[in-house]
ModelCIF file with pLDDT and N, C-alpha, C, O atoms, coordinates in Angstrom:
data_MODEL
#
_entry.id   MODEL 
#
_entity.id                         1 
_entity.type                       polymer 
_entity.pdbx_number_of_molecules   1 
#
_entity_poly.entity_id                      1 
_entity_poly.type                           'polypeptide(L)' 
_entity_poly.nstd_linkage                   no 
_entity_poly.nstd_monomer                   no 
_entity_poly.pdbx_seq_one_letter_code       DPTPEDPTPGQPEDPNPGKPEDPKPFVFLMTSPFAQTSVDIGFDDT 
_entity_poly.pdbx_seq_one_letter_code_can   DPTPEDPTPGQPEDPNPGKPEDPKPFVFLMTSPFAQTSVDIGFDDT 
_entity_poly.pdbx_strand_id                 A 
#
loop_
_entity_poly_seq.entity_id 
_entity_poly_seq.num 
_entity_poly_seq.mon_id 
_entity_poly_seq.hetero 
1 1  ASP n 
1 2  PRO n 
1 3  THR n 
1 4  PRO n 
1 5  GLU n 
1 6  ASP n 
1 7  PRO n 
1 8  THR n 
1 9  PRO n 
1 10 GLY n 
1 11 GLN n 
1 12 PRO n 
1 13 GLU n 
1 14 ASP n 
1 15 PRO n 
1 16 ASN n 
1 17 PRO n 
1 18 GLY n 
1 19 LYS n 
1 20 PRO n 
1 21 GLU n 
1 22 ASP n 
1 23 PRO n 
1 24 LYS n 
1 25 PRO n 
1 26 PHE n 
1 27 VAL n 
1 28 PHE n 
1 29 LEU n 
1 30 MET n 
1 31 THR n 
1 32 SER n 
1 33 PRO n 
1 34 PHE n 
1 35 ALA n 
1 36 GLN n 
1 37 THR n 
1 38 SER n 
1 39 VAL n 
1 40 ASP n 
1 41 ILE n 
1 42 GLY n 
1 43 PHE n 
1 44 ASP n 
1 45 ASP n 
1 46 THR n 
#
_struct_asym.id          A 
_struct_asym.entity_id   1 
#
loop_
_ma_qa_metric.id 
_ma_qa_metric.mode 
_ma_qa_metric.name 
_ma_qa_metric.software_group_id 
_ma_qa_metric.type 
1 global pLDDT . pLDDT 
2 local  pLDDT . pLDDT 
#
_ma_qa_metric_global.metric_id      1 
_ma_qa_metric_global.metric_value   76.02 
_ma_qa_metric_global.model_id       1 
_ma_qa_metric_global.ordinal_id     1 
#
loop_
_ma_qa_metric_local.label_asym_id 
_ma_qa_metric_local.label_comp_id 
_ma_qa_metric_local.label_seq_id 
_ma_qa_metric_local.metric_id 
_ma_qa_metric_local.metric_value 
_ma_qa_metric_local.model_id 
_ma_qa_metric_local.ordinal_id 
A ASP 1  2 58.00 1 1  
A PRO 2  2 55.00 1 2  
A THR 3  2 56.00 1 3  
A PRO 4  2 53.00 1 4  
A GLU 5  2 55.00 1 5  
A ASP 6  2 53.00 1 6  
A PRO 7  2 53.00 1 7  
A THR 8  2 55.00 1 8  
A PRO 9  2 55.00 1 9  
A GLY 10 2 57.00 1 10 
A GLN 11 2 56.00 1 11 
A PRO 12 2 59.00 1 12 
A GLU 13 2 63.00 1 13 
A ASP 14 2 59.00 1 14 
A PRO 15 2 60.00 1 15 
A ASN 16 2 62.00 1 16 
A PRO 17 2 62.00 1 17 
A GLY 18 2 63.00 1 18 
A LYS 19 2 63.00 1 19 
A PRO 20 2 66.00 1 20 
A GLU 21 2 71.00 1 21 
A ASP 22 2 68.00 1 22 
A PRO 23 2 76.00 1 23 
A LYS 24 2 82.00 1 24 
A PRO 25 2 88.00 1 25 
A PHE 26 2 89.00 1 26 
A VAL 27 2 91.00 1 27 
A PHE 28 2 95.00 1 28 
A LEU 29 2 95.00 1 29 
A MET 30 2 96.00 1 30 
A THR 31 2 96.00 1 31 
A SER 32 2 95.00 1 32 
A PRO 33 2 96.00 1 33 
A PHE 34 2 96.00 1 34 
A ALA 35 2 91.00 1 35 
A GLN 36 2 88.00 1 36 
A THR 37 2 88.00 1 37 
A SER 38 2 91.00 1 38 
A VAL 39 2 93.00 1 39 
A ASP 40 2 92.00 1 40 
A ILE 41 2 92.00 1 41 
A GLY 42 2 94.00 1 42 
A PHE 43 2 95.00 1 43 
A ASP 44 2 93.00 1 44 
A ASP 45 2 91.00 1 45 
A THR 46 2 92.00 1 46 
#
loop_
_atom_site.group_PDB 
_atom_site.id 
_atom_site.type_symbol 
_atom_site.label_atom_id 
_atom_site.label_alt_id 
_atom_site.label_comp_id 
_atom_site.label_asym_id 
_atom_site.label_entity_id 
_atom_site.label_seq_id 
_atom_site.pdbx_PDB_ins_code 
_atom_site.Cartn_x 
_atom_site.Cartn_y 
_atom_site.Cartn_z 
_atom_site.occupancy 
_atom_site.B_iso_or_equiv 
_atom_site.pdbx_formal_charge 
_atom_site.auth_seq_id 
_atom_site.auth_comp_id 
_atom_site.auth_asym_id 
_atom_site.auth_atom_id 
_atom_site.pdbx_PDB_model_num 
ATOM 1   N N  . ASP A 1 1  ? 0.039   39.728  6.329   1.00 58.00 ? 1  ASP A N  1 
ATOM 2   C CA . ASP A 1 1  ? -0.487  38.685  5.452   1.00 58.00 ? 1  ASP A CA 1 
ATOM 3   C C  . ASP A 1 1  ? 0.418   37.467  5.493   1.00 58.00 ? 1  ASP A C  1 
ATOM 4   O O  . ASP A 1 1  ? 1.642   37.602  5.508   1.00 58.00 ? 1  ASP A O  1 
ATOM 5   N N  . PRO A 1 2  ? -0.188  36.248  5.512   1.00 55.00 ? 2  PRO A N  1 
ATOM 6   C CA . PRO A 1 2  ? 0.665   35.039  5.528   1.00 55.00 ? 2  PRO A CA 1 
ATOM 7   C C  . PRO A 1 2  ? 1.479   34.938  4.256   1.00 55.00 ? 2  PRO A C  1 
ATOM 8   O O  . PRO A 1 2  ? 0.992   35.227  3.163   1.00 55.00 ? 2  PRO A O  1 
ATOM 9   N N  . THR A 1 3  ? 2.705   34.531  4.410   1.00 56.00 ? 3  THR A N  1 
ATOM 10  C CA . THR A 1 3  ? 3.582   34.341  3.256   1.00 56.00 ? 3  THR A CA 1 
ATOM 11  C C  . THR A 1 3  ? 3.414   32.937  2.716   1.00 56.00 ? 3  THR A C  1 
ATOM 12  O O  . THR A 1 3  ? 2.930   32.068  3.441   1.00 56.00 ? 3  THR A O  1 
ATOM 13  N N  . PRO A 1 4  ? 3.803   32.667  1.438   1.00 53.00 ? 4  PRO A N  1 
ATOM 14  C CA . PRO A 1 4  ? 3.666   31.315  0.869   1.00 53.00 ? 4  PRO A CA 1 
ATOM 15  C C  . PRO A 1 4  ? 4.386   30.252  1.675   1.00 53.00 ? 4  PRO A C  1 
ATOM 16  O O  . PRO A 1 4  ? 4.024   29.077  1.631   1.00 53.00 ? 4  PRO A O  1 
ATOM 17  N N  . GLU A 1 5  ? 5.419   30.671  2.422   1.00 55.00 ? 5  GLU A N  1 
ATOM 18  C CA . GLU A 1 5  ? 6.168   29.663  3.178   1.00 55.00 ? 5  GLU A CA 1 
ATOM 19  C C  . GLU A 1 5  ? 5.452   29.249  4.450   1.00 55.00 ? 5  GLU A C  1 
ATOM 20  O O  . GLU A 1 5  ? 5.748   28.196  5.015   1.00 55.00 ? 5  GLU A O  1 
ATOM 21  N N  . ASP A 1 6  ? 4.475   30.100  4.924   1.00 53.00 ? 6  ASP A N  1 
ATOM 22  C CA . ASP A 1 6  ? 3.795   29.787  6.167   1.00 53.00 ? 6  ASP A CA 1 
ATOM 23  C C  . ASP A 1 6  ? 2.836   28.631  5.959   1.00 53.00 ? 6  ASP A C  1 
ATOM 24  O O  . ASP A 1 6  ? 2.179   28.573  4.920   1.00 53.00 ? 6  ASP A O  1 
ATOM 25  N N  . PRO A 1 7  ? 2.727   27.683  6.932   1.00 53.00 ? 7  PRO A N  1 
ATOM 26  C CA . PRO A 1 7  ? 1.739   26.605  6.803   1.00 53.00 ? 7  PRO A CA 1 
ATOM 27  C C  . PRO A 1 7  ? 0.336   27.155  6.911   1.00 53.00 ? 7  PRO A C  1 
ATOM 28  O O  . PRO A 1 7  ? 0.131   28.198  7.531   1.00 53.00 ? 7  PRO A O  1 
ATOM 29  N N  . THR A 1 8  ? -0.629  26.483  6.326   1.00 55.00 ? 8  THR A N  1 
ATOM 30  C CA . THR A 1 8  ? -2.022  26.897  6.384   1.00 55.00 ? 8  THR A CA 1 
ATOM 31  C C  . THR A 1 8  ? -2.502  26.876  7.824   1.00 55.00 ? 8  THR A C  1 
ATOM 32  O O  . THR A 1 8  ? -2.290  25.882  8.520   1.00 55.00 ? 8  THR A O  1 
ATOM 33  N N  . PRO A 1 9  ? -3.154  27.962  8.304   1.00 55.00 ? 9  PRO A N  1 
ATOM 34  C CA . PRO A 1 9  ? -3.604  27.971  9.705   1.00 55.00 ? 9  PRO A CA 1 
ATOM 35  C C  . PRO A 1 9  ? -4.506  26.792  9.998   1.00 55.00 ? 9  PRO A C  1 
ATOM 36  O O  . PRO A 1 9  ? -5.380  26.451  9.202   1.00 55.00 ? 9  PRO A O  1 
ATOM 37  N N  . GLY A 1 10 ? -4.289  26.173  11.144  1.00 57.00 ? 10 GLY A N  1 
ATOM 38  C CA . GLY A 1 10 ? -5.114  25.048  11.561  1.00 57.00 ? 10 GLY A CA 1 
ATOM 39  C C  . GLY A 1 10 ? -4.633  23.702  11.077  1.00 57.00 ? 10 GLY A C  1 
ATOM 40  O O  . GLY A 1 10 ? -5.213  22.683  11.452  1.00 57.00 ? 10 GLY A O  1 
ATOM 41  N N  . GLN A 1 11 ? -3.582  23.651  10.248  1.00 56.00 ? 11 GLN A N  1 
ATOM 42  C CA . GLN A 1 11 ? -3.056  22.395  9.748   1.00 56.00 ? 11 GLN A CA 1 
ATOM 43  C C  . GLN A 1 11 ? -1.630  22.210  10.249  1.00 56.00 ? 11 GLN A C  1 
ATOM 44  O O  . GLN A 1 11 ? -0.859  23.168  10.300  1.00 56.00 ? 11 GLN A O  1 
ATOM 45  N N  . PRO A 1 12 ? -1.270  20.959  10.625  1.00 59.00 ? 12 PRO A N  1 
ATOM 46  C CA . PRO A 1 12 ? 0.098   20.726  11.089  1.00 59.00 ? 12 PRO A CA 1 
ATOM 47  C C  . PRO A 1 12 ? 1.093   20.890  9.956   1.00 59.00 ? 12 PRO A C  1 
ATOM 48  O O  . PRO A 1 12 ? 0.794   20.585  8.802   1.00 59.00 ? 12 PRO A O  1 
ATOM 49  N N  . GLU A 1 13 ? 2.255   21.366  10.289  1.00 63.00 ? 13 GLU A N  1 
ATOM 50  C CA . GLU A 1 13 ? 3.294   21.553  9.286   1.00 63.00 ? 13 GLU A CA 1 
ATOM 51  C C  . GLU A 1 13 ? 3.861   20.208  8.870   1.00 63.00 ? 13 GLU A C  1 
ATOM 52  O O  . GLU A 1 13 ? 4.161   19.370  9.720   1.00 63.00 ? 13 GLU A O  1 
ATOM 53  N N  . ASP A 1 14 ? 4.011   19.993  7.558   1.00 59.00 ? 14 ASP A N  1 
ATOM 54  C CA . ASP A 1 14 ? 4.543   18.739  7.029   1.00 59.00 ? 14 ASP A CA 1 
ATOM 55  C C  . ASP A 1 14 ? 6.031   18.648  7.364   1.00 59.00 ? 14 ASP A C  1 
ATOM 56  O O  . ASP A 1 14 ? 6.813   19.485  6.912   1.00 59.00 ? 14 ASP A O  1 
ATOM 57  N N  . PRO A 1 15 ? 6.438   17.640  8.154   1.00 60.00 ? 15 PRO A N  1 
ATOM 58  C CA . PRO A 1 15 ? 7.861   17.538  8.513   1.00 60.00 ? 15 PRO A CA 1 
ATOM 59  C C  . PRO A 1 15 ? 8.742   17.202  7.329   1.00 60.00 ? 15 PRO A C  1 
ATOM 60  O O  . PRO A 1 15 ? 9.939   17.491  7.352   1.00 60.00 ? 15 PRO A O  1 
ATOM 61  N N  . ASN A 1 16 ? 8.170   16.586  6.278   1.00 62.00 ? 16 ASN A N  1 
ATOM 62  C CA . ASN A 1 16 ? 8.955   16.214  5.094   1.00 62.00 ? 16 ASN A CA 1 
ATOM 63  C C  . ASN A 1 16 ? 8.262   16.742  3.848   1.00 62.00 ? 16 ASN A C  1 
ATOM 64  O O  . ASN A 1 16 ? 7.702   15.965  3.074   1.00 62.00 ? 16 ASN A O  1 
ATOM 65  N N  . PRO A 1 17 ? 8.293   18.072  3.643   1.00 62.00 ? 17 PRO A N  1 
ATOM 66  C CA . PRO A 1 17 ? 7.596   18.609  2.468   1.00 62.00 ? 17 PRO A CA 1 
ATOM 67  C C  . PRO A 1 17 ? 8.210   18.098  1.181   1.00 62.00 ? 17 PRO A C  1 
ATOM 68  O O  . PRO A 1 17 ? 9.430   18.015  1.039   1.00 62.00 ? 17 PRO A O  1 
ATOM 69  N N  . GLY A 1 18 ? 7.323   17.753  0.235   1.00 63.00 ? 18 GLY A N  1 
ATOM 70  C CA . GLY A 1 18 ? 7.798   17.286  -1.067  1.00 63.00 ? 18 GLY A CA 1 
ATOM 71  C C  . GLY A 1 18 ? 8.124   15.815  -1.117  1.00 63.00 ? 18 GLY A C  1 
ATOM 72  O O  . GLY A 1 18 ? 8.395   15.295  -2.199  1.00 63.00 ? 18 GLY A O  1 
ATOM 73  N N  . LYS A 1 19 ? 8.113   15.112  0.017   1.00 63.00 ? 19 LYS A N  1 
ATOM 74  C CA . LYS A 1 19 ? 8.435   13.680  0.020   1.00 63.00 ? 19 LYS A CA 1 
ATOM 75  C C  . LYS A 1 19 ? 7.210   12.883  -0.374  1.00 63.00 ? 19 LYS A C  1 
ATOM 76  O O  . LYS A 1 19 ? 6.169   13.039  0.265   1.00 63.00 ? 19 LYS A O  1 
ATOM 77  N N  . PRO A 1 20 ? 7.275   12.028  -1.402  1.00 66.00 ? 20 PRO A N  1 
ATOM 78  C CA . PRO A 1 20 ? 6.105   11.239  -1.815  1.00 66.00 ? 20 PRO A CA 1 
ATOM 79  C C  . PRO A 1 20 ? 5.729   10.209  -0.770  1.00 66.00 ? 20 PRO A C  1 
ATOM 80  O O  . PRO A 1 20 ? 6.567   9.742   0.001   1.00 66.00 ? 20 PRO A O  1 
ATOM 81  N N  . GLU A 1 21 ? 4.442   9.864   -0.761  1.00 71.00 ? 21 GLU A N  1 
ATOM 82  C CA . GLU A 1 21 ? 3.969   8.857   0.178   1.00 71.00 ? 21 GLU A CA 1 
ATOM 83  C C  . GLU A 1 21 ? 4.538   7.490   -0.194  1.00 71.00 ? 21 GLU A C  1 
ATOM 84  O O  . GLU A 1 21 ? 4.755   7.184   -1.366  1.00 71.00 ? 21 GLU A O  1 
ATOM 85  N N  . ASP A 1 22 ? 4.773   6.682   0.832   1.00 68.00 ? 22 ASP A N  1 
ATOM 86  C CA . ASP A 1 22 ? 5.306   5.343   0.592   1.00 68.00 ? 22 ASP A CA 1 
ATOM 87  C C  . ASP A 1 22 ? 4.265   4.519   -0.162  1.00 68.00 ? 22 ASP A C  1 
ATOM 88  O O  . ASP A 1 22 ? 3.096   4.508   0.221   1.00 68.00 ? 22 ASP A O  1 
ATOM 89  N N  . PRO A 1 23 ? 4.673   3.829   -1.231  1.00 76.00 ? 23 PRO A N  1 
ATOM 90  C CA . PRO A 1 23 ? 3.713   3.008   -1.983  1.00 76.00 ? 23 PRO A CA 1 
ATOM 91  C C  . PRO A 1 23 ? 3.253   1.818   -1.149  1.00 76.00 ? 23 PRO A C  1 
ATOM 92  O O  . PRO A 1 23 ? 3.967   1.339   -0.268  1.00 76.00 ? 23 PRO A O  1 
ATOM 93  N N  . LYS A 1 24 ? 2.043   1.356   -1.451  1.00 82.00 ? 24 LYS A N  1 
ATOM 94  C CA . LYS A 1 24 ? 1.529   0.196   -0.736  1.00 82.00 ? 24 LYS A CA 1 
ATOM 95  C C  . LYS A 1 24 ? 2.346   -1.040  -1.120  1.00 82.00 ? 24 LYS A C  1 
ATOM 96  O O  . LYS A 1 24 ? 2.704   -1.209  -2.286  1.00 82.00 ? 24 LYS A O  1 
ATOM 97  N N  . PRO A 1 25 ? 2.638   -1.894  -0.152  1.00 88.00 ? 25 PRO A N  1 
ATOM 98  C CA . PRO A 1 25 ? 3.438   -3.082  -0.469  1.00 88.00 ? 25 PRO A CA 1 
ATOM 99  C C  . PRO A 1 25 ? 2.693   -4.021  -1.407  1.00 88.00 ? 25 PRO A C  1 
ATOM 100 O O  . PRO A 1 25 ? 1.475   -4.175  -1.316  1.00 88.00 ? 25 PRO A O  1 
ATOM 101 N N  . PHE A 1 26 ? 3.450   -4.647  -2.314  1.00 89.00 ? 26 PHE A N  1 
ATOM 102 C CA . PHE A 1 26 ? 2.853   -5.593  -3.255  1.00 89.00 ? 26 PHE A CA 1 
ATOM 103 C C  . PHE A 1 26 ? 2.487   -6.886  -2.540  1.00 89.00 ? 26 PHE A C  1 
ATOM 104 O O  . PHE A 1 26 ? 3.284   -7.433  -1.777  1.00 89.00 ? 26 PHE A O  1 
ATOM 105 N N  . VAL A 1 27 ? 1.279   -7.368  -2.791  1.00 91.00 ? 27 VAL A N  1 
ATOM 106 C CA . VAL A 1 27 ? 0.801   -8.620  -2.196  1.00 91.00 ? 27 VAL A CA 1 
ATOM 107 C C  . VAL A 1 27 ? 0.347   -9.539  -3.326  1.00 91.00 ? 27 VAL A C  1 
ATOM 108 O O  . VAL A 1 27 ? -0.530  -9.184  -4.113  1.00 91.00 ? 27 VAL A O  1 
ATOM 109 N N  . PHE A 1 28 ? 0.950   -10.718 -3.397  1.00 95.00 ? 28 PHE A N  1 
ATOM 110 C CA . PHE A 1 28 ? 0.564   -11.698 -4.411  1.00 95.00 ? 28 PHE A CA 1 
ATOM 111 C C  . PHE A 1 28 ? -0.410  -12.681 -3.774  1.00 95.00 ? 28 PHE A C  1 
ATOM 112 O O  . PHE A 1 28 ? -0.020  -13.490 -2.933  1.00 95.00 ? 28 PHE A O  1 
ATOM 113 N N  . LEU A 1 29 ? -1.666  -12.611 -4.171  1.00 95.00 ? 29 LEU A N  1 
ATOM 114 C CA . LEU A 1 29 ? -2.701  -13.490 -3.631  1.00 95.00 ? 29 LEU A CA 1 
ATOM 115 C C  . LEU A 1 29 ? -3.569  -13.949 -4.789  1.00 95.00 ? 29 LEU A C  1 
ATOM 116 O O  . LEU A 1 29 ? -4.293  -13.154 -5.389  1.00 95.00 ? 29 LEU A O  1 
ATOM 117 N N  . MET A 1 30 ? -3.492  -15.233 -5.099  1.00 96.00 ? 30 MET A N  1 
ATOM 118 C CA . MET A 1 30 ? -4.221  -15.787 -6.235  1.00 96.00 ? 30 MET A CA 1 
ATOM 119 C C  . MET A 1 30 ? -5.649  -16.158 -5.846  1.00 96.00 ? 30 MET A C  1 
ATOM 120 O O  . MET A 1 30 ? -5.983  -16.291 -4.669  1.00 96.00 ? 30 MET A O  1 
ATOM 121 N N  . THR A 1 31 ? -6.471  -16.317 -6.867  1.00 96.00 ? 31 THR A N  1 
ATOM 122 C CA . THR A 1 31 ? -7.787  -16.920 -6.682  1.00 96.00 ? 31 THR A CA 1 
ATOM 123 C C  . THR A 1 31 ? -7.764  -18.290 -7.345  1.00 96.00 ? 31 THR A C  1 
ATOM 124 O O  . THR A 1 31 ? -6.996  -18.535 -8.276  1.00 96.00 ? 31 THR A O  1 
ATOM 125 N N  . SER A 1 32 ? -8.622  -19.181 -6.849  1.00 95.00 ? 32 SER A N  1 
ATOM 126 C CA . SER A 1 32 ? -8.661  -20.538 -7.384  1.00 95.00 ? 32 SER A CA 1 
ATOM 127 C C  . SER A 1 32 ? -9.190  -20.531 -8.815  1.00 95.00 ? 32 SER A C  1 
ATOM 128 O O  . SER A 1 32 ? -10.044 -19.713 -9.158  1.00 95.00 ? 32 SER A O  1 
ATOM 129 N N  . PRO A 1 33 ? -8.686  -21.440 -9.653  1.00 96.00 ? 33 PRO A N  1 
ATOM 130 C CA . PRO A 1 33 ? -9.201  -21.528 -11.024 1.00 96.00 ? 33 PRO A CA 1 
ATOM 131 C C  . PRO A 1 33 ? -10.624 -22.060 -11.090 1.00 96.00 ? 33 PRO A C  1 
ATOM 132 O O  . PRO A 1 33 ? -11.263 -21.976 -12.138 1.00 96.00 ? 33 PRO A O  1 
ATOM 133 N N  . PHE A 1 34 ? -11.134 -22.609 -9.981  1.00 96.00 ? 34 PHE A N  1 
ATOM 134 C CA . PHE A 1 34 ? -12.483 -23.165 -9.945  1.00 96.00 ? 34 PHE A CA 1 
ATOM 135 C C  . PHE A 1 34 ? -13.262 -22.584 -8.764  1.00 96.00 ? 34 PHE A C  1 
ATOM 136 O O  . PHE A 1 34 ? -12.676 -22.088 -7.802  1.00 96.00 ? 34 PHE A O  1 
ATOM 137 N N  . ALA A 1 35 ? -14.587 -22.654 -8.853  1.00 91.00 ? 35 ALA A N  1 
ATOM 138 C CA . ALA A 1 35 ? -15.427 -22.164 -7.758  1.00 91.00 ? 35 ALA A CA 1 
ATOM 139 C C  . ALA A 1 35 ? -15.188 -22.967 -6.486  1.00 91.00 ? 35 ALA A C  1 
ATOM 140 O O  . ALA A 1 35 ? -15.199 -22.411 -5.388  1.00 91.00 ? 35 ALA A O  1 
ATOM 141 N N  . GLN A 1 36 ? -14.972 -24.262 -6.628  1.00 88.00 ? 36 GLN A N  1 
ATOM 142 C CA . GLN A 1 36 ? -14.648 -25.125 -5.493  1.00 88.00 ? 36 GLN A CA 1 
ATOM 143 C C  . GLN A 1 36 ? -13.290 -25.754 -5.735  1.00 88.00 ? 36 GLN A C  1 
ATOM 144 O O  . GLN A 1 36 ? -13.049 -26.322 -6.800  1.00 88.00 ? 36 GLN A O  1 
ATOM 145 N N  . THR A 1 37 ? -12.402 -25.660 -4.758  1.00 88.00 ? 37 THR A N  1 
ATOM 146 C CA . THR A 1 37 ? -11.046 -26.176 -4.917  1.00 88.00 ? 37 THR A CA 1 
ATOM 147 C C  . THR A 1 37 ? -10.904 -27.515 -4.201  1.00 88.00 ? 37 THR A C  1 
ATOM 148 O O  . THR A 1 37 ? -11.106 -27.615 -2.991  1.00 88.00 ? 37 THR A O  1 
ATOM 149 N N  . SER A 1 38 ? -10.556 -28.527 -4.964  1.00 91.00 ? 38 SER A N  1 
ATOM 150 C CA . SER A 1 38 ? -10.316 -29.853 -4.401  1.00 91.00 ? 38 SER A CA 1 
ATOM 151 C C  . SER A 1 38 ? -8.970  -30.351 -4.912  1.00 91.00 ? 38 SER A C  1 
ATOM 152 O O  . SER A 1 38 ? -8.732  -30.385 -6.120  1.00 91.00 ? 38 SER A O  1 
ATOM 153 N N  . VAL A 1 39 ? -8.083  -30.741 -3.982  1.00 93.00 ? 39 VAL A N  1 
ATOM 154 C CA . VAL A 1 39 ? -6.723  -31.157 -4.339  1.00 93.00 ? 39 VAL A CA 1 
ATOM 155 C C  . VAL A 1 39 ? -6.652  -32.676 -4.419  1.00 93.00 ? 39 VAL A C  1 
ATOM 156 O O  . VAL A 1 39 ? -7.060  -33.373 -3.490  1.00 93.00 ? 39 VAL A O  1 
ATOM 157 N N  . ASP A 1 40 ? -6.134  -33.184 -5.530  1.00 92.00 ? 40 ASP A N  1 
ATOM 158 C CA . ASP A 1 40 ? -5.893  -34.620 -5.670  1.00 92.00 ? 40 ASP A CA 1 
ATOM 159 C C  . ASP A 1 40 ? -4.496  -34.951 -5.156  1.00 92.00 ? 40 ASP A C  1 
ATOM 160 O O  . ASP A 1 40 ? -4.351  -35.689 -4.182  1.00 92.00 ? 40 ASP A O  1 
ATOM 161 N N  . ILE A 1 41 ? -3.480  -34.416 -5.800  1.00 92.00 ? 41 ILE A N  1 
ATOM 162 C CA . ILE A 1 41 ? -2.099  -34.587 -5.325  1.00 92.00 ? 41 ILE A CA 1 
ATOM 163 C C  . ILE A 1 41 ? -1.520  -33.191 -5.113  1.00 92.00 ? 41 ILE A C  1 
ATOM 164 O O  . ILE A 1 41 ? -1.549  -32.346 -6.008  1.00 92.00 ? 41 ILE A O  1 
ATOM 165 N N  . GLY A 1 42 ? -0.995  -32.969 -3.912  1.00 94.00 ? 42 GLY A N  1 
ATOM 166 C CA . GLY A 1 42 ? -0.495  -31.652 -3.558  1.00 94.00 ? 42 GLY A CA 1 
ATOM 167 C C  . GLY A 1 42 ? 0.965   -31.442 -3.920  1.00 94.00 ? 42 GLY A C  1 
ATOM 168 O O  . GLY A 1 42 ? 1.603   -32.318 -4.505  1.00 94.00 ? 42 GLY A O  1 
ATOM 169 N N  . PHE A 1 43 ? 1.489   -30.276 -3.569  1.00 95.00 ? 43 PHE A N  1 
ATOM 170 C CA . PHE A 1 43 ? 2.876   -29.892 -3.851  1.00 95.00 ? 43 PHE A CA 1 
ATOM 171 C C  . PHE A 1 43 ? 3.814   -30.577 -2.852  1.00 95.00 ? 43 PHE A C  1 
ATOM 172 O O  . PHE A 1 43 ? 3.529   -30.633 -1.656  1.00 95.00 ? 43 PHE A O  1 
ATOM 173 N N  . ASP A 1 44 ? 4.936   -31.098 -3.362  1.00 93.00 ? 44 ASP A N  1 
ATOM 174 C CA . ASP A 1 44 ? 5.967   -31.667 -2.489  1.00 93.00 ? 44 ASP A CA 1 
ATOM 175 C C  . ASP A 1 44 ? 7.296   -31.635 -3.245  1.00 93.00 ? 44 ASP A C  1 
ATOM 176 O O  . ASP A 1 44 ? 7.509   -32.390 -4.194  1.00 93.00 ? 44 ASP A O  1 
ATOM 177 N N  . ASP A 1 45 ? 8.190   -30.736 -2.796  1.00 91.00 ? 45 ASP A N  1 
ATOM 178 C CA . ASP A 1 45 ? 9.493   -30.625 -3.457  1.00 91.00 ? 45 ASP A CA 1 
ATOM 179 C C  . ASP A 1 45 ? 10.596  -31.323 -2.676  1.00 91.00 ? 45 ASP A C  1 
ATOM 180 O O  . ASP A 1 45 ? 11.779  -31.184 -2.985  1.00 91.00 ? 45 ASP A O  1 
ATOM 181 N N  . THR A 1 46 ? 10.184  -32.087 -1.645  1.00 92.00 ? 46 THR A N  1 
ATOM 182 C CA . THR A 1 46 ? 11.177  -32.793 -0.826  1.00 92.00 ? 46 THR A CA 1 
ATOM 183 C C  . THR A 1 46 ? 10.997  -34.302 -0.898  1.00 92.00 ? 46 THR A C  1 
ATOM 184 O O  . THR A 1 46 ? 11.750  -35.044 -0.268  1.00 92.00 ? 46 THR A O  1 
#
């Protein structure tokens, strides 16, 4: 009989058992405050 330590037949053995999956990277992407975006004066810090 398979022991608890044996991997399930037909499935690859996990090389890093117990290791949590890497979280998805944070992406900051805004939406426009209006349905149509029109710029009068743009950003300029120089």
